[in-house]
Protein backbone atom coordinates (compact mmCIF):
# COMPACT_ATOMS: atom_id res chain seq x y z
CA UNK A 1 -23.70 123.29 129.57
CA UNK A 2 -23.54 119.85 128.15
CA UNK A 3 -25.05 118.69 124.92
CA UNK A 4 -28.02 116.42 125.00
CA UNK A 5 -26.24 113.75 123.42
CA UNK A 6 -23.32 113.79 125.88
CA UNK A 7 -26.01 113.62 128.77
CA UNK A 8 -27.57 110.53 126.85
CA UNK A 9 -24.03 108.96 126.77
CA UNK A 10 -23.59 109.62 130.42
CA UNK A 11 -27.09 108.35 131.33
CA UNK A 12 -26.35 105.13 129.29
CA UNK A 13 -23.08 104.50 130.74
CA UNK A 14 -24.26 104.97 134.37
CA UNK A 15 -27.26 102.70 133.86
CA UNK A 16 -25.31 99.77 132.35
CA UNK A 17 -22.65 100.26 135.20
CA UNK A 18 -25.21 100.27 138.07
CA UNK A 19 -27.53 97.63 137.33
CA UNK A 20 -25.35 94.47 137.21
CA UNK A 21 -23.80 95.54 140.42
CA UNK A 22 -27.15 95.88 142.09
CA UNK A 23 -28.14 92.27 140.76
CA UNK A 24 -25.00 91.04 142.39
CA UNK A 25 -25.91 92.69 145.68
CA UNK A 26 -29.53 91.67 145.90
CA UNK A 27 -29.92 88.55 144.28
CA UNK A 28 -28.31 86.27 146.79
CA UNK A 29 -30.60 87.77 149.65
CA UNK A 30 -33.75 87.95 147.61
CA UNK A 31 -35.51 85.66 150.34
CA UNK A 32 -34.49 87.91 153.13
CA UNK A 33 -36.04 91.35 151.78
CA UNK A 34 -37.43 93.32 154.80
CA UNK A 35 -40.03 94.80 152.32
CA UNK A 36 -41.78 93.65 149.28
CA UNK A 37 -39.67 93.40 146.14
CA UNK A 38 -41.52 96.29 144.51
CA UNK A 39 -40.70 98.67 147.30
CA UNK A 40 -37.23 97.44 147.70
CA UNK A 41 -36.59 97.97 143.84
CA UNK A 42 -38.24 101.49 144.21
CA UNK A 43 -34.99 102.79 145.86
CA UNK A 44 -33.11 102.06 142.71
CA UNK A 45 -34.37 105.02 140.62
CA UNK A 46 -33.43 107.34 143.51
CA UNK A 47 -29.88 105.69 143.75
CA UNK A 48 -29.45 105.95 139.79
CA UNK A 49 -30.35 109.80 139.80
CA UNK A 50 -27.72 110.66 142.54
CA UNK A 51 -24.97 108.77 140.74
CA UNK A 52 -26.05 110.29 137.45
CA UNK A 53 -25.97 113.93 138.77
CA UNK A 54 -22.79 113.14 140.67
CA UNK A 55 -21.01 111.96 137.17
CA UNK A 56 -22.31 115.20 135.51
CA UNK A 57 -21.09 117.52 138.14
CA UNK A 58 -17.78 115.89 138.21
CA UNK A 59 -17.11 116.39 134.55
CA UNK A 60 -18.22 119.91 134.89
CA UNK A 61 -15.73 120.43 137.59
CA UNK A 62 -18.22 121.56 140.31
CA UNK A 63 -17.25 121.26 143.93
CA UNK A 64 -20.79 119.99 144.84
CA UNK A 65 -20.10 116.89 142.87
CA UNK A 66 -18.29 115.30 146.00
CA UNK A 67 -21.39 116.04 148.31
CA UNK A 68 -23.55 114.07 145.56
CA UNK A 69 -20.87 111.34 145.46
CA UNK A 70 -21.09 110.90 149.24
CA UNK A 71 -24.85 110.94 149.17
CA UNK A 72 -25.28 108.26 146.49
CA UNK A 73 -22.59 106.13 148.37
CA UNK A 74 -24.39 106.53 151.68
CA UNK A 75 -27.74 105.79 150.04
CA UNK A 76 -26.21 102.65 148.39
CA UNK A 77 -25.15 101.45 151.94
CA UNK A 78 -28.12 102.45 153.85
CA UNK A 79 -30.61 100.97 151.29
CA UNK A 80 -28.52 97.82 151.24
CA UNK A 81 -28.48 97.43 155.14
CA UNK A 82 -32.16 98.56 155.66
CA UNK A 83 -33.95 96.66 152.94
CA UNK A 84 -32.26 93.11 153.66
CA UNK A 85 -32.87 91.30 156.91
CA UNK A 86 -29.25 89.89 157.52
CA UNK A 87 -26.40 90.70 159.85
CA UNK A 88 -24.59 93.74 158.92
CA UNK A 89 -21.17 92.25 158.99
CA UNK A 90 -22.48 89.53 156.13
CA UNK A 91 -23.80 92.64 154.27
CA UNK A 92 -20.59 94.41 154.52
CA UNK A 93 -18.73 91.52 153.34
CA UNK A 94 -20.88 91.09 150.23
CA UNK A 95 -20.88 94.76 149.49
CA UNK A 96 -17.12 95.48 149.89
CA UNK A 97 -16.33 92.53 147.74
CA UNK A 98 -18.85 93.83 144.76
CA UNK A 99 -17.23 97.20 145.18
CA UNK A 100 -13.71 95.72 144.71
CA UNK A 101 -15.24 94.15 141.64
CA UNK A 102 -16.73 97.28 140.42
CA UNK A 103 -13.34 99.13 140.86
CA UNK A 104 -11.49 96.42 138.95
CA UNK A 105 -13.97 96.63 136.25
CA UNK A 106 -13.79 100.32 135.99
CA UNK A 107 -9.93 100.01 135.44
CA UNK A 108 -10.11 97.39 132.84
CA UNK A 109 -12.81 99.43 130.79
CA UNK A 110 -10.88 102.58 130.91
CA UNK A 111 -7.63 100.97 130.20
CA UNK A 112 -9.26 99.38 127.10
CA UNK A 113 -10.67 102.69 126.01
CA UNK A 114 -7.53 104.62 126.72
CA UNK A 115 -5.34 102.18 124.42
CA UNK A 116 -7.74 101.84 121.49
CA UNK A 117 -7.32 104.28 118.61
CA UNK A 118 -10.63 105.73 119.37
CA UNK A 119 -9.98 106.79 123.03
CA UNK A 120 -10.20 110.50 122.33
CA UNK A 121 -13.95 110.03 122.45
CA UNK A 122 -14.03 110.26 126.27
CA UNK A 123 -14.89 108.00 129.16
CA UNK A 124 -18.58 108.41 128.57
CA UNK A 125 -19.38 107.45 125.08
CA UNK A 126 -21.51 104.64 123.13
CA UNK A 127 -17.93 103.17 122.65
CA UNK A 128 -17.29 102.91 126.39
CA UNK A 129 -20.69 101.56 126.90
CA UNK A 130 -19.95 98.98 124.48
CA UNK A 131 -16.77 97.95 126.28
CA UNK A 132 -18.38 98.10 129.43
CA UNK A 133 -20.86 95.54 128.28
CA UNK A 134 -18.01 93.36 126.84
CA UNK A 135 -16.13 93.45 130.04
CA UNK A 136 -19.42 92.41 132.07
CA UNK A 137 -19.99 89.70 129.47
CA UNK A 138 -16.64 88.15 130.47
CA UNK A 139 -16.54 88.93 134.31
CA UNK A 140 -20.21 88.85 135.63
CA UNK A 141 -21.15 85.27 135.05
CA UNK A 142 -18.15 84.48 137.37
CA UNK A 143 -19.15 86.86 140.04
CA UNK A 144 -22.70 85.77 139.74
CA UNK A 145 -21.89 82.20 140.23
CA UNK A 146 -19.92 83.12 143.25
CA UNK A 147 -22.84 85.22 144.84
CA UNK A 148 -25.39 82.50 144.02
CA UNK A 149 -23.54 79.26 144.51
CA UNK A 150 -21.13 80.27 147.31
CA UNK A 151 -22.00 83.27 149.28
CA UNK A 152 -25.89 82.69 149.29
CA UNK A 153 -26.03 79.11 150.55
CA UNK A 154 -23.10 79.78 153.00
CA UNK A 155 -24.51 82.85 154.35
CA UNK A 156 -27.75 81.05 155.00
CA UNK A 157 -26.26 78.40 156.78
CA UNK A 158 -23.66 80.42 158.97
CA UNK A 159 -25.25 83.76 159.42
CA UNK A 160 -25.02 83.21 163.10
CA UNK A 161 -21.43 82.39 163.22
CA UNK A 162 -19.26 84.99 165.01
CA UNK A 163 -16.59 84.81 162.40
CA UNK A 164 -18.64 87.18 160.16
CA UNK A 165 -17.80 89.92 162.75
CA UNK A 166 -14.31 90.14 161.65
CA UNK A 167 -14.32 88.37 158.02
CA UNK A 168 -15.75 91.77 156.36
CA UNK A 169 -12.39 93.57 157.16
CA UNK A 170 -10.74 91.27 154.55
CA UNK A 171 -12.57 92.83 151.42
CA UNK A 172 -12.40 96.09 153.45
CA UNK A 173 -8.61 96.04 153.38
CA UNK A 174 -8.56 95.46 149.42
CA UNK A 175 -11.26 98.13 148.77
CA UNK A 176 -9.17 100.75 150.85
CA UNK A 177 -6.24 99.66 148.72
CA UNK A 178 -8.10 100.07 145.41
CA UNK A 179 -9.55 103.70 146.39
CA UNK A 180 -6.13 104.86 147.71
CA UNK A 181 -4.34 104.19 144.70
CA UNK A 182 -6.96 105.38 142.29
CA UNK A 183 -7.20 108.64 144.06
CA UNK A 184 -3.66 109.06 144.68
CA UNK A 185 -2.86 108.62 140.88
CA UNK A 186 -5.57 111.30 140.05
CA UNK A 187 -8.64 108.94 139.55
CA UNK A 188 -9.72 106.14 137.61
CA UNK A 189 -8.82 107.40 134.08
CA UNK A 190 -5.44 108.64 134.98
CA UNK A 191 -4.69 105.36 136.98
CA UNK A 192 -5.84 103.23 134.24
CA UNK A 193 -3.49 105.03 131.51
CA UNK A 194 -0.40 103.40 133.13
CA UNK A 195 -0.19 99.69 132.25
CA UNK A 196 1.88 98.94 135.42
CA UNK A 197 -0.95 100.23 137.38
CA UNK A 198 -3.36 97.94 135.29
CA UNK A 199 -1.27 94.86 136.11
CA UNK A 200 -1.02 96.06 139.72
CA UNK A 201 -4.93 96.03 139.72
CA UNK A 202 -5.10 92.67 138.07
CA UNK A 203 -3.02 91.05 140.82
CA UNK A 204 -4.73 92.86 143.50
CA UNK A 205 -8.12 91.59 142.31
CA UNK A 206 -6.95 87.81 141.72
CA UNK A 207 -5.68 88.09 145.31
CA UNK A 208 -8.73 89.50 146.64
CA UNK A 209 -10.84 86.54 144.99
CA UNK A 210 -8.51 84.15 146.11
CA UNK A 211 -8.69 85.17 149.72
CA UNK A 212 -12.43 85.45 149.45
CA UNK A 213 -12.75 81.85 147.88
CA UNK A 214 -10.28 80.80 150.81
CA UNK A 215 -12.44 82.32 153.42
CA UNK A 216 -15.61 80.70 152.10
CA UNK A 217 -14.11 77.36 151.72
CA UNK A 218 -12.81 77.40 155.50
CA UNK A 219 -16.17 78.78 156.76
CA UNK A 220 -17.77 76.04 154.96
CA UNK A 221 -15.64 73.29 156.21
CA UNK A 222 -16.10 74.64 159.65
CA UNK A 223 -19.91 74.77 159.29
CA UNK A 224 -19.87 71.10 157.65
CA UNK A 225 -17.96 70.00 160.91
CA UNK A 226 -20.50 71.59 163.19
CA UNK A 227 -23.40 70.10 161.19
CA UNK A 228 -21.80 66.67 161.74
CA UNK A 229 -21.33 67.06 165.52
CA UNK A 230 -25.09 68.12 165.52
CA UNK A 231 -25.97 64.96 163.49
CA UNK A 232 -23.97 62.76 165.93
CA UNK A 233 -25.75 64.48 168.93
CA UNK A 234 -28.87 63.75 167.14
CA UNK A 235 -28.26 60.22 166.53
CA UNK A 236 -27.17 59.72 170.15
CA UNK A 237 -30.69 61.29 171.30
CA UNK A 238 -32.27 58.65 168.95
CA UNK A 239 -30.27 56.11 170.70
CA UNK A 240 -31.09 57.37 174.27
CA UNK A 241 -35.04 57.18 173.28
CA UNK A 242 -34.60 53.60 171.96
CA UNK A 243 -32.76 52.44 175.09
CA UNK A 244 -35.53 54.20 177.44
CA UNK A 245 -38.28 52.67 175.38
CA UNK A 246 -36.82 49.22 175.84
CA UNK A 247 -36.17 49.80 179.43
CA UNK A 248 -39.72 50.95 180.08
CA UNK A 249 -41.27 48.06 178.13
CA UNK A 250 -39.16 45.52 180.29
CA UNK A 251 -40.25 47.24 183.42
CA UNK A 252 -43.92 47.06 182.47
CA UNK A 253 -43.37 43.05 181.45
CA UNK A 254 -41.80 42.61 184.84
CA UNK A 255 -44.68 44.34 186.71
CA UNK A 256 -47.33 42.30 184.90
CA UNK A 257 -45.39 39.03 185.73
CA UNK A 258 -45.16 39.99 189.31
CA UNK A 259 -48.94 41.37 189.63
CA UNK A 260 -50.35 38.15 190.64
CA UNK A 261 -47.98 37.67 193.50
CA UNK A 262 -48.69 41.05 194.85
CA UNK A 263 -52.46 40.57 194.60
CA UNK A 264 -52.26 37.39 196.64
CA UNK A 265 -50.20 39.24 199.33
CA UNK A 266 -52.85 42.07 199.21
CA UNK A 267 -55.69 39.75 199.46
CA UNK A 268 -54.07 38.16 202.57
CA UNK A 269 -53.98 41.53 204.21
CA UNK A 270 -57.57 42.14 203.37
CA UNK A 271 -58.70 38.73 204.79
CA UNK A 272 -56.83 39.37 207.98
CA UNK A 273 -58.17 42.92 208.23
CA UNK A 274 -54.58 44.39 208.47
CA UNK A 275 -55.44 47.49 206.63
CA UNK A 276 -52.43 49.26 208.14
CA UNK A 277 -50.04 46.69 206.57
CA UNK A 278 -52.05 46.71 203.35
CA UNK A 279 -51.53 50.55 203.13
CA UNK A 280 -47.83 50.32 203.60
CA UNK A 281 -47.57 47.41 201.34
CA UNK A 282 -49.47 49.30 198.49
CA UNK A 283 -47.38 52.37 199.26
CA UNK A 284 -44.18 50.42 198.90
CA UNK A 285 -44.97 48.64 195.81
CA UNK A 286 -46.12 51.77 193.88
CA UNK A 287 -42.59 53.14 194.28
CA UNK A 288 -41.33 50.18 192.17
CA UNK A 289 -43.76 50.82 189.53
CA UNK A 290 -42.51 52.50 186.02
CA UNK A 291 -42.85 56.09 185.66
CA UNK A 292 -46.10 57.07 184.51
CA UNK A 293 -44.74 59.89 182.28
CA UNK A 294 -46.00 60.00 178.58
CA UNK A 295 -43.70 58.33 176.02
CA UNK A 296 -44.20 61.25 173.69
CA UNK A 297 -43.78 64.94 174.61
CA UNK A 298 -43.73 66.30 171.18
CA UNK A 299 -43.46 65.21 167.51
CA UNK A 300 -39.83 66.36 167.22
CA UNK A 301 -37.90 62.81 167.75
CA UNK A 302 -34.62 63.95 169.01
CA UNK A 303 -36.20 66.59 171.41
CA UNK A 304 -38.66 64.14 172.74
CA UNK A 305 -35.77 61.70 173.33
CA UNK A 306 -33.83 64.30 175.23
CA UNK A 307 -36.90 65.25 177.55
CA UNK A 308 -37.50 61.71 178.26
CA UNK A 309 -33.54 61.20 179.24
CA UNK A 310 -33.73 64.12 181.44
CA UNK A 311 -36.72 62.89 183.06
CA UNK A 312 -35.38 59.66 183.93
CA UNK A 313 -32.06 61.09 185.13
CA UNK A 314 -33.91 63.42 187.55
CA UNK A 315 -36.19 60.34 188.77
CA UNK A 316 -33.11 58.76 189.43
CA UNK A 317 -31.58 61.49 191.62
CA UNK A 318 -34.89 62.15 193.32
CA UNK A 319 -35.77 65.42 191.40
CA UNK A 320 -39.51 66.06 190.71
CA UNK A 321 -39.70 66.54 186.94
CA UNK A 322 -42.70 67.97 185.17
CA UNK A 323 -42.91 68.95 181.41
CA UNK A 324 -45.61 71.00 179.55
CA UNK A 325 -44.67 70.87 175.92
CA UNK A 326 -46.44 72.25 172.80
CA UNK A 327 -43.81 72.15 170.33
CA UNK A 328 -44.78 72.30 166.63
CA UNK A 329 -43.22 69.91 164.21
CA UNK A 330 -42.71 73.02 161.68
CA UNK A 331 -41.19 75.13 164.25
CA UNK A 332 -38.53 76.15 161.78
CA UNK A 333 -35.81 75.25 164.32
CA UNK A 334 -33.32 72.61 163.53
CA UNK A 335 -33.83 69.58 165.69
CA UNK A 336 -29.93 69.79 166.40
CA UNK A 337 -30.29 73.27 167.56
CA UNK A 338 -33.30 72.39 169.75
CA UNK A 339 -31.23 69.42 171.59
CA UNK A 340 -28.38 71.89 172.08
CA UNK A 341 -30.71 74.56 173.42
CA UNK A 342 -32.82 72.47 175.76
CA UNK A 343 -30.11 70.02 176.41
CA UNK A 344 -28.01 72.62 178.03
CA UNK A 345 -30.94 74.25 179.88
CA UNK A 346 -32.10 70.96 181.35
CA UNK A 347 -28.36 69.83 182.32
CA UNK A 348 -27.95 72.95 184.05
CA UNK A 349 -31.16 72.62 185.97
CA UNK A 350 -30.50 69.07 186.90
CA UNK A 351 -26.89 70.08 188.17
CA UNK A 352 -28.44 72.75 190.29
CA UNK A 353 -30.85 70.46 191.79
CA UNK A 354 -28.28 67.70 192.54
CA UNK A 355 -26.48 70.31 194.67
CA UNK A 356 -29.55 70.73 197.09
CA UNK A 357 -29.03 68.96 200.33
CA UNK A 358 -32.49 69.84 201.66
CA UNK A 359 -36.07 69.82 200.53
CA UNK A 360 -37.55 68.40 197.50
CA UNK A 361 -35.81 69.92 194.29
CA UNK A 362 -37.72 70.17 191.28
CA UNK A 363 -37.63 70.97 187.48
CA UNK A 364 -40.48 72.46 185.42
CA UNK A 365 -40.20 72.59 181.61
CA UNK A 366 -42.78 74.67 179.52
CA UNK A 367 -42.58 75.14 175.89
CA UNK A 368 -45.31 77.04 174.07
CA UNK A 369 -45.68 78.61 170.50
CA UNK A 370 -46.81 82.16 170.41
CA UNK A 371 -47.71 83.22 166.81
CA UNK A 372 -44.52 82.50 164.97
CA UNK A 373 -42.58 82.44 168.08
CA UNK A 374 -41.29 79.63 170.34
CA UNK A 375 -41.20 80.63 174.18
CA UNK A 376 -39.67 78.24 176.53
CA UNK A 377 -38.94 78.29 180.29
CA UNK A 378 -37.15 76.23 182.47
CA UNK A 379 -37.72 76.61 186.38
CA UNK A 380 -35.71 74.63 189.06
CA UNK A 381 -34.65 74.60 192.50
CA UNK A 382 -31.65 76.70 193.31
CA UNK A 383 -30.74 77.99 196.81
CA UNK A 384 -27.02 78.12 196.34
CA UNK A 385 -25.37 81.42 195.53
CA UNK A 386 -24.29 81.75 191.90
CA UNK A 387 -20.91 83.45 191.86
CA UNK A 388 -20.65 84.93 188.47
CA UNK A 389 -22.64 87.01 185.98
CA UNK A 390 -21.73 88.19 182.48
CA UNK A 391 -24.18 90.20 180.32
CA UNK A 392 -26.98 88.83 182.48
CA UNK A 393 -25.86 85.15 181.83
CA UNK A 394 -24.95 83.53 185.29
CA UNK A 395 -23.07 80.49 185.72
CA UNK A 396 -22.27 78.37 188.75
CA UNK A 397 -18.83 77.64 187.03
CA UNK A 398 -17.37 80.93 188.24
CA UNK A 399 -16.79 84.36 186.93
CA UNK A 400 -16.89 83.31 183.49
CA UNK A 401 -19.90 81.86 181.51
CA UNK A 402 -20.22 78.13 181.33
CA UNK A 403 -19.73 76.46 177.88
CA UNK A 404 -23.38 75.44 178.04
CA UNK A 405 -24.54 78.85 178.82
CA UNK A 406 -22.76 80.24 175.88
CA UNK A 407 -24.24 77.69 173.70
CA UNK A 408 -27.64 78.66 174.91
CA UNK A 409 -27.12 82.45 174.05
CA UNK A 410 -25.56 81.53 170.62
CA UNK A 411 -28.70 79.42 169.60
CA UNK A 412 -30.97 82.23 170.66
CA UNK A 413 -28.89 84.69 168.73
CA UNK A 414 -29.17 82.37 165.75
CA UNK A 415 -32.79 82.58 165.61
CA UNK A 416 -33.38 86.35 166.44
CA UNK A 417 -34.18 85.51 170.03
CA UNK A 418 -33.32 86.39 173.63
CA UNK A 419 -32.42 84.63 176.76
CA UNK A 420 -33.16 85.70 180.23
CA UNK A 421 -32.01 84.16 183.55
CA UNK A 422 -32.43 85.03 187.17
CA UNK A 423 -32.57 83.53 190.70
CA UNK A 424 -35.18 84.59 193.03
CA UNK A 425 -36.57 82.98 196.31
CA UNK A 426 -34.56 79.93 195.92
CA UNK A 427 -35.69 79.06 192.36
CA UNK A 428 -33.73 79.73 189.12
CA UNK A 429 -35.76 80.99 186.20
CA UNK A 430 -34.49 80.53 182.58
CA UNK A 431 -36.47 81.67 179.58
CA UNK A 432 -35.76 81.72 175.99
CA UNK A 433 -37.60 83.46 173.09
CA UNK A 434 -36.91 82.29 169.46
CA UNK A 435 -38.21 83.94 166.37
CA UNK A 436 -37.35 81.38 163.68
């Protein structure tokens, strides 16, 4: 059995080794905890106990030590993914980056302890704990800065980006390289005793950090380009609303100017008792009046401009358009995303109506808020067969999904929502549920 002093040394080393890595893992996503902070941090003592027991059993040479190592590793992964409300691929990218850092830090600590004159005291000693603190003092600020200034804001902005599905494989490759070389050479202590191995680990770690920074920078530039395109779209919608407003003002001014002439004609019909001609004239005149739709459907400037734009387009093509909008100004959805989502829905609906050769096609837009969710539906006339389906997402463009349909699905995924589309009895129903 180990002496109490040795147990204390192991306890101190494991504690100092674990806490900084947990800080790196949790701090970037502190705003995305699924549970309260107290409940989330409540998993830490259990994780610490499993690691502590596994280290003791490993030193004693007990076979069951591998089981405890697997347990704490599984708990670490499970706790991380269960407690943080972020896509698993992003959490894997972060966690594997931290594991690479942990492997490199362990190699450096053991190498320093081994080559100093006091190395016979063993891996777990007060001196080893002191060296561990010194290594953390040099390296931890850099890692914390990367997590706080690079990974945290970038994952906030791009968590819906499909590239995250594959980016986690990059740190995973470096992690496998670390573990393969460590266990192939007899463990961390044996690996660290060779200067060449330490140089290899140093080069591998710098390579991993360089590739990580390169990935983050490329992803940032990609996101900045997307935001710029969305901003241009937003400005275009503002211009559309401004032009629409000018057009309506001019129409109203012209109608007021001509009103006296129309009243004179109607007065003549009344005096002559020609009520049939009067009715026909009034009907003809009413068709020349500006649309009686509201200038403002919602307080979101860009979305309001979009609805007005498609209302005008529908009117020009003889499509009956109605909109019932209850869209809160604090919806939590970016205006640019709302424009992309509803713009594609309305564009698809208008295209379908324009293909109708008979009847009176219509478009009905409804937007409602339900608690913290936004529910939207677009119904439109569609009697033509839709040739292609993919994952329940139809497109009249063929067997593949149209670009607009893909954009609708991506925006819904970004806000943890769903999209449903179906055709029934000559009407196409599109519904979107967003949970920002």
